[in-house]
C-alpha atoms as a PDB file:
ATOM      1  CA  MET A   1       0.000   0.000   0.000  1.00  0.00           C
ATOM      2  CA  LYS A   2       2.854   2.377   0.839  1.00  0.00           C
ATOM      3  CA  LYS A   3       4.600   1.550  -2.412  1.00  0.00           C
ATOM      4  CA  GLU A   4       1.436   2.332  -4.405  1.00  0.00           C
ATOM      5  CA  LYS A   5       1.138   5.736  -2.672  1.00  0.00           C
ATOM      6  CA  ARG A   6       4.747   6.589  -3.504  1.00  0.00           C
ATOM      7  CA  THR A   7       4.267   5.582  -7.121  1.00  0.00           C
ATOM      8  CA  PHE A   8       1.052   7.599  -7.412  1.00  0.00           C
ATOM      9  CA  ARG A   9       2.712  10.623  -5.795  1.00  0.00           C
ATOM     10  CA  LEU A  10       5.720  10.378  -8.136  1.00  0.00           C
ATOM     11  CA  ILE A  11       3.514  10.106 -11.233  1.00  0.00           C
ATOM     12  CA  SER A  12       1.335  13.061 -10.141  1.00  0.00           C
ATOM     13  CA  GLN A  13       4.422  15.203  -9.448  1.00  0.00           C
ATOM     14  CA  ILE A  14       5.851  14.367 -12.888  1.00  0.00           C
ATOM     15  CA  ILE A  15       2.542  15.286 -14.550  1.00  0.00           C
ATOM     16  CA  ILE A  16       2.392  18.588 -12.663  1.00  0.00           C
ATOM     17  CA  LEU A  17       6.011  19.369 -13.631  1.00  0.00           C
ATOM     18  CA  VAL A  18       5.268  18.645 -17.311  1.00  0.00           C
ATOM     19  CA  LEU A  19       2.165  20.893 -17.226  1.00  0.00           C
ATOM     20  CA  VAL A  20       4.095  23.737 -15.579  1.00  0.00           C
ATOM     21  CA  VAL A  21       6.853  23.499 -18.199  1.00  0.00           C
ATOM     22  CA  ILE A  22       4.313  23.476 -21.049  1.00  0.00           C
ATOM     23  CA  MET A  23       2.448  26.489 -19.623  1.00  0.00           C
ATOM     24  CA  GLY A  24       5.702  28.372 -18.986  1.00  0.00           C
ATOM     25  CA  ILE A  25       6.983  27.851 -22.506  1.00  0.00           C
ATOM     26  CA  GLY A  26       3.600  28.662 -24.080  1.00  0.00           C
ATOM     27  CA  THR A  27       3.111  31.951 -22.290  1.00  0.00           C
ATOM     28  CA  THR A  28       6.648  33.266 -22.636  1.00  0.00           C
ATOM     29  CA  SER A  29       6.814  32.539 -26.321  1.00  0.00           C
ATOM     30  CA  SER A  30       3.971  35.025 -26.882  1.00  0.00           C
ATOM     31  CA  TRP A  31       6.178  37.803 -25.494  1.00  0.00           C
ATOM     32  CA  TYR A  32       8.540  37.657 -28.444  1.00  0.00           C
ATOM     33  CA  ASN A  33       8.053  39.980 -31.399  1.00  0.00           C
ATOM     34  CA  ARG A  34       6.287  38.535 -34.370  1.00  0.00           C
ATOM     35  CA  THR A  35       7.468  39.592 -37.773  1.00  0.00           C
ATOM     36  CA  GLN A  36       4.727  40.146 -40.282  1.00  0.00           C
ATOM     37  CA  ASN A  37       5.351  38.905 -43.759  1.00  0.00           C
ATOM     38  CA  SER A  38       3.749  40.360 -46.852  1.00  0.00           C
ATOM     39  CA  SER A  39       1.141  37.622 -47.052  1.00  0.00           C
ATOM     40  CA  GLN A  40      -0.306  38.632 -43.663  1.00  0.00           C
ATOM     41  CA  THR A  41      -2.103  41.914 -44.107  1.00  0.00           C
ATOM     42  CA  GLY A  42      -4.724  43.423 -41.854  1.00  0.00           C
ATOM     43  CA  ALA A  43      -6.189  46.685 -40.725  1.00  0.00           C
ATOM     44  CA  ILE A  44      -4.963  48.396 -37.590  1.00  0.00           C
ATOM     45  CA  LEU A  45      -7.534  48.333 -34.814  1.00  0.00           C
ATOM     46  CA  SER A  46      -9.021  51.766 -34.222  1.00  0.00           C
ATOM     47  CA  TYR A  47     -11.974  53.203 -32.339  1.00  0.00           C
ATOM     48  CA  GLU A  48     -13.890  56.338 -33.218  1.00  0.00           C
ATOM     49  CA  GLN A  49     -16.921  57.809 -31.519  1.00  0.00           C
ATOM     50  CA  THR A  50     -18.998  60.711 -32.694  1.00  0.00           C
ATOM     51  CA  GLY A  51     -21.764  62.456 -30.801  1.00  0.00           C
ATOM     52  CA  LYS A  52     -24.785  64.291 -32.091  1.00  0.00           C
ATOM     53  CA  VAL A  53     -24.867  67.755 -30.572  1.00  0.00           C
ATOM     54  CA  ASN A  54     -28.437  69.064 -30.323  1.00  0.00           C
ATOM     55  CA  GLY A  55     -29.625  66.000 -32.207  1.00  0.00           C
ATOM     56  CA  THR A  56     -33.175  65.512 -33.290  1.00  0.00           C
ATOM     57  CA  GLY A  57     -35.685  64.369 -30.750  1.00  0.00           C
ATOM     58  CA  CYS A  58     -34.446  65.929 -27.487  1.00  0.00           C
ATOM     59  CA  THR A  59     -35.429  69.381 -26.275  1.00  0.00           C
ATOM     60  CA  LEU A  60     -34.316  71.282 -23.185  1.00  0.00           C
ATOM     61  CA  GLN A  61     -36.168  73.536 -20.775  1.00  0.00           C
ATOM     62  CA  THR A  62     -34.379  75.192 -17.858  1.00  0.00           C
ATOM     63  CA  PHE A  63     -36.084  76.569 -14.753  1.00  0.00           C
ATOM     64  CA  LEU A  64     -34.542  78.813 -12.099  1.00  0.00           C
ATOM     65  CA  GLY A  65     -34.682  77.692  -8.478  1.00  0.00           C
ATOM     66  CA  THR A  66     -34.845  79.677  -5.246  1.00  0.00           C
ATOM     67  CA  ASN A  67     -33.344  78.341  -2.038  1.00  0.00           C
ATOM     68  CA  ASP A  68     -35.414  78.923   1.094  1.00  0.00           C
ATOM     69  CA  ASN A  69     -33.578  77.497   4.132  1.00  0.00           C
ATOM     70  CA  GLY A  70     -32.342  74.429   2.249  1.00  0.00           C
ATOM     71  CA  VAL A  71     -35.588  73.808   0.338  1.00  0.00           C
ATOM     72  CA  VAL A  72     -35.257  74.645  -3.352  1.00  0.00           C
ATOM     73  CA  ASP A  73     -38.416  75.626  -5.235  1.00  0.00           C
ATOM     74  CA  TYR A  74     -38.299  75.871  -9.025  1.00  0.00           C
ATOM     75  CA  SER A  75     -40.179  78.377 -11.143  1.00  0.00           C
ATOM     76  CA  ASP A  76     -43.019  77.272 -13.432  1.00  0.00           C
ATOM     77  CA  THR A  77     -41.824  79.531 -16.243  1.00  0.00           C
ATOM     78  CA  GLU A  78     -38.852  78.638 -18.384  1.00  0.00           C
ATOM     79  CA  GLN A  79     -35.682  80.673 -17.857  1.00  0.00           C
ATOM     80  CA  THR A  80     -34.649  82.040 -21.265  1.00  0.00           C
ATOM     81  CA  GLU A  81     -32.447  84.954 -20.219  1.00  0.00           C
ATOM     82  CA  ALA A  82     -28.947  84.868 -18.777  1.00  0.00           C
ATOM     83  CA  VAL A  83     -28.560  84.620 -14.994  1.00  0.00           C
ATOM     84  CA  THR A  84     -25.740  86.311 -13.081  1.00  0.00           C
ATOM     85  CA  VAL A  85     -24.204  84.330 -10.244  1.00  0.00           C
ATOM     86  CA  ALA A  86     -22.857  86.781  -7.666  1.00  0.00           C
ATOM     87  CA  ALA A  87     -19.467  86.105  -6.092  1.00  0.00           C
ATOM     88  CA  GLY A  88     -19.797  83.494  -3.350  1.00  0.00           C
ATOM     89  CA  SER A  89     -23.470  82.768  -4.026  1.00  0.00           C
ATOM     90  CA  THR A  90     -25.204  79.679  -5.387  1.00  0.00           C
ATOM     91  CA  VAL A  91     -27.838  79.535  -8.141  1.00  0.00           C
ATOM     92  CA  HIS A  92     -30.035  76.458  -8.629  1.00  0.00           C
ATOM     93  CA  PHE A  93     -31.421  75.173 -11.932  1.00  0.00           C
ATOM     94  CA  GLU A  94     -33.721  72.396 -13.113  1.00  0.00           C
ATOM     95  CA  THR A  95     -33.147  71.281 -16.690  1.00  0.00           C
ATOM     96  CA  VAL A  96     -35.793  69.021 -18.212  1.00  0.00           C
ATOM     97  CA  VAL A  97     -34.613  66.867 -21.114  1.00  0.00           C
ATOM     98  CA  THR A  98     -37.571  65.693 -23.223  1.00  0.00           C
ATOM     99  CA  ASN A  99     -37.236  62.965 -25.841  1.00  0.00           C
ATOM    100  CA  SER A 100     -40.140  63.711 -28.166  1.00  0.00           C
ATOM    101  CA  GLY A 101     -38.738  62.001 -31.239  1.00  0.00           C
ATOM    102  CA  ASN A 102     -39.336  58.494 -32.426  1.00  0.00           C
ATOM    103  CA  ASN A 103     -35.731  57.506 -31.783  1.00  0.00           C
ATOM    104  CA  GLY A 104     -36.437  55.173 -28.867  1.00  0.00           C
ATOM    105  CA  ALA A 105     -34.825  55.413 -25.454  1.00  0.00           C
ATOM    106  CA  ALA A 106     -31.634  57.461 -25.244  1.00  0.00           C
ATOM    107  CA  SER A 107     -28.732  58.050 -22.906  1.00  0.00           C
ATOM    108  CA  VAL A 108     -27.604  61.664 -23.150  1.00  0.00           C
ATOM    109  CA  SER A 109     -25.166  64.063 -21.520  1.00  0.00           C
ATOM    110  CA  LEU A 110     -25.869  67.677 -20.600  1.00  0.00           C
ATOM    111  CA  TYR A 111     -23.201  70.272 -21.426  1.00  0.00           C
ATOM    112  CA  LEU A 112     -22.919  73.997 -20.730  1.00  0.00           C
ATOM    113  CA  LYS A 113     -21.120  76.135 -23.283  1.00  0.00           C
ATOM    114  CA  SER A 114     -19.000  78.651 -21.412  1.00  0.00           C
ATOM    115  CA  SER A 115     -17.276  81.736 -22.729  1.00  0.00           C
ATOM    116  CA  ALA A 116     -13.696  82.625 -21.938  1.00  0.00           C
ATOM    117  CA  GLN A 117     -13.943  84.261 -18.536  1.00  0.00           C
ATOM    118  CA  SER A 118     -11.497  84.010 -15.678  1.00  0.00           C
ATOM    119  CA  TYR A 119     -13.181  82.367 -12.685  1.00  0.00           C
ATOM    120  CA  ALA A 120     -13.213  79.381 -10.366  1.00  0.00           C
ATOM    121  CA  ALA A 121     -16.600  77.759  -9.851  1.00  0.00           C
ATOM    122  CA  TYR A 122     -18.265  74.543  -8.769  1.00  0.00           C
ATOM    123  CA  ILE A 123     -21.090  72.644 -10.440  1.00  0.00           C
ATOM    124  CA  GLY A 124     -23.151  70.300  -8.345  1.00  0.00           C
ATOM    125  CA  VAL A 125     -25.839  67.832  -9.365  1.00  0.00           C
ATOM    126  CA  ARG A 126     -28.466  67.213  -6.692  1.00  0.00           C
ATOM    127  CA  GLU A 127     -30.077  64.140  -8.235  1.00  0.00           C
ATOM    128  CA  LEU A 128     -29.018  61.325 -10.548  1.00  0.00           C
ATOM    129  CA  GLU A 129     -25.286  61.069  -9.737  1.00  0.00           C
ATOM    130  CA  LYS A 130     -25.105  63.656  -6.907  1.00  0.00           C
ATOM    131  CA  THR A 131     -21.732  65.087  -7.902  1.00  0.00           C
ATOM    132  CA  TYR A 132     -19.889  68.245  -6.934  1.00  0.00           C
ATOM    133  CA  LYS A 133     -16.947  69.169  -9.142  1.00  0.00           C
ATOM    134  CA  PRO A 134     -14.758  72.236  -9.535  1.00  0.00           C
ATOM    135  CA  PHE A 135     -13.877  73.844 -12.843  1.00  0.00           C
ATOM    136  CA  THR A 136     -11.768  76.846 -13.708  1.00  0.00           C
ATOM    137  CA  GLY A 137     -12.522  79.240 -16.524  1.00  0.00           C
ATOM    138  CA  ILE A 138      -9.791  80.261 -18.910  1.00  0.00           C
ATOM    139  CA  SER A 139      -8.724  83.852 -19.343  1.00  0.00           C
ATOM    140  CA  SER A 140      -8.009  83.711 -23.070  1.00  0.00           C
ATOM    141  CA  GLY A 141      -9.217  81.666 -26.001  1.00  0.00           C
ATOM    142  CA  GLY A 142     -12.607  80.738 -27.342  1.00  0.00           C
ATOM    143  CA  ASN A 143     -15.488  78.759 -25.935  1.00  0.00           C
ATOM    144  CA  TYR A 144     -15.371  75.435 -24.167  1.00  0.00           C
ATOM    145  CA  TYR A 145     -17.937  72.936 -22.879  1.00  0.00           C
ATOM    146  CA  ILE A 146     -18.481  71.850 -19.281  1.00  0.00           C
ATOM    147  CA  CYS A 147     -20.184  68.504 -18.641  1.00  0.00           C
ATOM    148  CA  ILE A 148     -22.931  69.004 -16.072  1.00  0.00           C
ATOM    149  CA  GLU A 149     -24.293  65.457 -16.085  1.00  0.00           C
ATOM    150  CA  ASP A 150     -23.414  62.318 -17.985  1.00  0.00           C
ATOM    151  CA  ASN A 151     -25.540  59.260 -18.879  1.00  0.00           C
ATOM    152  CA  ILE A 152     -29.000  60.715 -18.344  1.00  0.00           C
ATOM    153  CA  PRO A 153     -31.580  58.054 -19.267  1.00  0.00           C
ATOM    154  CA  VAL A 154     -34.483  59.438 -21.302  1.00  0.00           C
ATOM    155  CA  GLU A 155     -37.200  57.102 -22.544  1.00  0.00           C
ATOM    156  CA  ASN A 156     -39.044  57.697 -25.833  1.00  0.00           C
ATOM    157  CA  ASP A 157     -41.826  60.301 -25.413  1.00  0.00           C
ATOM    158  CA  ALA A 158     -40.718  60.965 -21.819  1.00  0.00           C
ATOM    159  CA  SER A 159     -38.746  63.500 -19.809  1.00  0.00           C
ATOM    160  CA  SER A 160     -35.900  63.372 -17.346  1.00  0.00           C
ATOM    161  CA  SER A 161     -34.977  66.209 -14.971  1.00  0.00           C
ATOM    162  CA  VAL A 162     -31.494  67.231 -13.908  1.00  0.00           C
ATOM    163  CA  TYR A 163     -31.341  69.351 -10.752  1.00  0.00           C
ATOM    164  CA  TRP A 164     -28.048  71.227 -10.678  1.00  0.00           C
ATOM    165  CA  PHE A 165     -26.496  74.286  -9.121  1.00  0.00           C
ATOM    166  CA  ILE A 166     -23.484  76.482  -9.662  1.00  0.00           C
ATOM    167  CA  LYS A 167     -21.405  78.313  -7.072  1.00  0.00           C
ATOM    168  CA  SER A 168     -18.750  80.777  -8.177  1.00  0.00           C
ATOM    169  CA  ASP A 169     -15.903  82.590  -6.459  1.00  0.00           C
ATOM    170  CA  ALA A 170     -16.389  85.577  -8.781  1.00  0.00           C
ATOM    171  CA  ALA A 171     -19.371  87.042 -10.631  1.00  0.00           C
ATOM    172  CA  LEU A 172     -20.359  84.712 -13.452  1.00  0.00           C
ATOM    173  CA  THR A 173     -23.076  84.774 -16.119  1.00  0.00           C
ATOM    174  CA  ILE A 174     -24.922  81.567 -17.028  1.00  0.00           C
ATOM    175  CA  ASP A 175     -27.052  81.530 -20.175  1.00  0.00           C
ATOM    176  CA  PRO A 176     -29.574  78.639 -20.293  1.00  0.00           C
ATOM    177  CA  ASN A 177     -29.592  78.978 -24.084  1.00  0.00           C
ATOM    178  CA  ASN A 178     -26.035  77.605 -23.992  1.00  0.00           C
ATOM    179  CA  LEU A 179     -27.064  74.160 -22.726  1.00  0.00           C
ATOM    180  CA  TYR A 180     -26.559  71.277 -25.159  1.00  0.00           C
ATOM    181  CA  VAL A 181     -27.463  67.610 -25.283  1.00  0.00           C
ATOM    182  CA  VAL A 182     -24.914  65.101 -26.550  1.00  0.00           C
ATOM    183  CA  TYR A 183     -26.051  61.598 -27.337  1.00  0.00           C
ATOM    184  CA  ASN A 184     -23.884  58.901 -25.751  1.00  0.00           C
END
């Protein structure tokens, strides 16, 4: 019985050693460079993504909010004119993204086009992802886009609301006409 155990142990150790050698040789040989001959041609792998800015089907409406001891109430009338954020103050907005097209459900992102001003500000999202992120304006150059919220689910013939606010260290002007939807 002892002799059979020794034989079985020896055979199993030899098999394990052979498997380890085979796996070691197989994996290290893939590290070596492979030369490509002229008969092996193929396209280089590449990835491109394009977004539809203000694409068909989604519309935006932005409403101004007032903060009363931590409770934010939003206006019933759409905010179409620019809003000035005073230095050190916070302004609340509700942006309703409506998918009225026949494109099916969509996942969109909400961007704010900002002009070249010099400022430091914070954008916070109260619902969906509940984020609070800083951004710094540039003092020279053209326009740039700030992502307010990403991956907003909007069903076909339905709406989704994004409740966001902006706090600035210096006076800043926010124009709700400069909000854009980008399809993900």
